[in-house]
Amino acid sequence: MEPTNLIEIRHLRVDGRTIPVELSRNAGGSVAARCLIGETEMPIIDGPSTEAVMAAVEEAIEDLLFARALGGTG
């Protein structure tokens, strides 16, 4: 993901947190979403469209926060 391919930055609200998501266009035309969860956590999710990656990001972050709550970490 190169900065020149940045499409937009969206903010996702999950479980009372606001997570910035950088959306970029891949060389093949798909979209990559880089989630800025913390200083060291920046997972990247690829998908066919902005809507698809935002849905995947939201689901993944909800699952991550749920797992952390169960495990007592985070």
C-alpha atoms as a PDB file:
ATOM      1  CA  MET A   1       0.000   0.000   0.000  1.00  0.00           C
ATOM      2  CA  GLU A   2       1.657   3.207  -1.127  1.00  0.00           C
ATOM      3  CA  PRO A   3       0.586   6.649   0.121  1.00  0.00           C
ATOM      4  CA  THR A   4      -0.003   7.826  -3.455  1.00  0.00           C
ATOM      5  CA  ASN A   5      -2.809   5.257  -3.820  1.00  0.00           C
ATOM      6  CA  LEU A   6      -4.767   6.587  -0.826  1.00  0.00           C
ATOM      7  CA  ILE A   7      -8.486   6.873  -1.639  1.00  0.00           C
ATOM      8  CA  GLU A   8      -9.786   8.190   1.667  1.00  0.00           C
ATOM      9  CA  ILE A   9      -9.680   7.846   5.424  1.00  0.00           C
ATOM     10  CA  ARG A  10     -12.818   6.707   7.235  1.00  0.00           C
ATOM     11  CA  HIS A  11     -13.492   6.382  10.939  1.00  0.00           C
ATOM     12  CA  LEU A  12     -15.188   3.253  12.232  1.00  0.00           C
ATOM     13  CA  ARG A  13     -16.953   3.287  15.610  1.00  0.00           C
ATOM     14  CA  VAL A  14     -16.839  -0.075  17.345  1.00  0.00           C
ATOM     15  CA  ASP A  15     -17.597  -0.728  21.006  1.00  0.00           C
ATOM     16  CA  GLY A  16     -17.183   2.926  21.945  1.00  0.00           C
ATOM     17  CA  ARG A  17     -13.844   3.265  20.127  1.00  0.00           C
ATOM     18  CA  THR A  18     -13.110   5.256  16.987  1.00  0.00           C
ATOM     19  CA  ILE A  19     -10.721   3.446  14.636  1.00  0.00           C
ATOM     20  CA  PRO A  20      -9.191   5.295  11.658  1.00  0.00           C
ATOM     21  CA  VAL A  21      -9.168   3.201   8.468  1.00  0.00           C
ATOM     22  CA  GLU A  22      -6.978   4.228   5.513  1.00  0.00           C
ATOM     23  CA  LEU A  23      -8.392   3.015   2.186  1.00  0.00           C
ATOM     24  CA  SER A  24      -6.050   2.606  -0.794  1.00  0.00           C
ATOM     25  CA  ARG A  25      -6.397   1.274  -4.339  1.00  0.00           C
ATOM     26  CA  ASN A  26      -4.254  -1.775  -5.152  1.00  0.00           C
ATOM     27  CA  ALA A  27      -2.538  -2.186  -8.519  1.00  0.00           C
ATOM     28  CA  GLY A  28      -5.166  -4.711  -9.645  1.00  0.00           C
ATOM     29  CA  GLY A  29      -8.042  -2.374  -8.773  1.00  0.00           C
ATOM     30  CA  SER A  30      -9.055  -3.944  -5.442  1.00  0.00           C
ATOM     31  CA  VAL A  31      -9.142  -1.938  -2.226  1.00  0.00           C
ATOM     32  CA  ALA A  32      -6.908  -2.287   0.833  1.00  0.00           C
ATOM     33  CA  ALA A  33      -7.952  -1.071   4.273  1.00  0.00           C
ATOM     34  CA  ARG A  34      -5.253  -0.400   6.861  1.00  0.00           C
ATOM     35  CA  CYS A  35      -6.727  -0.186  10.352  1.00  0.00           C
ATOM     36  CA  LEU A  36      -4.915   2.046  12.797  1.00  0.00           C
ATOM     37  CA  ILE A  37      -5.808   0.227  16.003  1.00  0.00           C
ATOM     38  CA  GLY A  38      -2.754   1.303  17.964  1.00  0.00           C
ATOM     39  CA  GLU A  39       0.850   2.313  17.539  1.00  0.00           C
ATOM     40  CA  THR A  40       1.897  -1.213  16.601  1.00  0.00           C
ATOM     41  CA  GLU A  41      -1.346  -2.791  15.368  1.00  0.00           C
ATOM     42  CA  MET A  42      -2.087  -1.945  11.758  1.00  0.00           C
ATOM     43  CA  PRO A  43      -3.726  -4.936  10.062  1.00  0.00           C
ATOM     44  CA  ILE A  44      -4.464  -4.687   6.345  1.00  0.00           C
ATOM     45  CA  ILE A  45      -7.569  -6.219   4.781  1.00  0.00           C
ATOM     46  CA  ASP A  46      -8.026  -6.459   1.001  1.00  0.00           C
ATOM     47  CA  GLY A  47     -11.320  -6.732  -0.866  1.00  0.00           C
ATOM     48  CA  PRO A  48     -13.065  -5.955  -4.130  1.00  0.00           C
ATOM     49  CA  SER A  49     -14.585  -2.631  -3.016  1.00  0.00           C
ATOM     50  CA  THR A  50     -14.562   0.013  -0.305  1.00  0.00           C
ATOM     51  CA  GLU A  51     -17.864  -1.293   1.072  1.00  0.00           C
ATOM     52  CA  ALA A  52     -16.565  -4.870   1.226  1.00  0.00           C
ATOM     53  CA  VAL A  53     -13.368  -3.974   3.088  1.00  0.00           C
ATOM     54  CA  MET A  54     -15.167  -1.662   5.522  1.00  0.00           C
ATOM     55  CA  ALA A  55     -17.629  -4.466   6.357  1.00  0.00           C
ATOM     56  CA  ALA A  56     -14.733  -6.905   6.837  1.00  0.00           C
ATOM     57  CA  VAL A  57     -12.815  -4.401   8.971  1.00  0.00           C
ATOM     58  CA  GLU A  58     -15.818  -3.760  11.201  1.00  0.00           C
ATOM     59  CA  GLU A  59     -16.439  -7.466  11.707  1.00  0.00           C
ATOM     60  CA  ALA A  60     -12.767  -8.192  12.395  1.00  0.00           C
ATOM     61  CA  ILE A  61     -12.440  -5.371  14.933  1.00  0.00           C
ATOM     62  CA  GLU A  62     -15.646  -6.371  16.712  1.00  0.00           C
ATOM     63  CA  ASP A  63     -14.327  -9.950  16.931  1.00  0.00           C
ATOM     64  CA  LEU A  64     -10.920  -8.743  18.176  1.00  0.00           C
ATOM     65  CA  LEU A  65     -12.433  -6.551  20.885  1.00  0.00           C
ATOM     66  CA  PHE A  66     -14.787  -9.359  21.927  1.00  0.00           C
ATOM     67  CA  ALA A  67     -11.895 -11.816  22.186  1.00  0.00           C
ATOM     68  CA  ARG A  68      -9.854  -9.341  24.219  1.00  0.00           C
ATOM     69  CA  ALA A  69     -12.792  -8.790  26.586  1.00  0.00           C
ATOM     70  CA  LEU A  70     -13.094 -12.548  27.127  1.00  0.00           C
ATOM     71  CA  GLY A  71      -9.372 -12.916  27.684  1.00  0.00           C
ATOM     72  CA  GLY A  72      -9.064  -9.865  29.891  1.00  0.00           C
ATOM     73  CA  THR A  73      -6.296  -8.277  27.793  1.00  0.00           C
ATOM     74  CA  GLY A  74      -6.105  -5.096  25.764  1.00  0.00           C
END
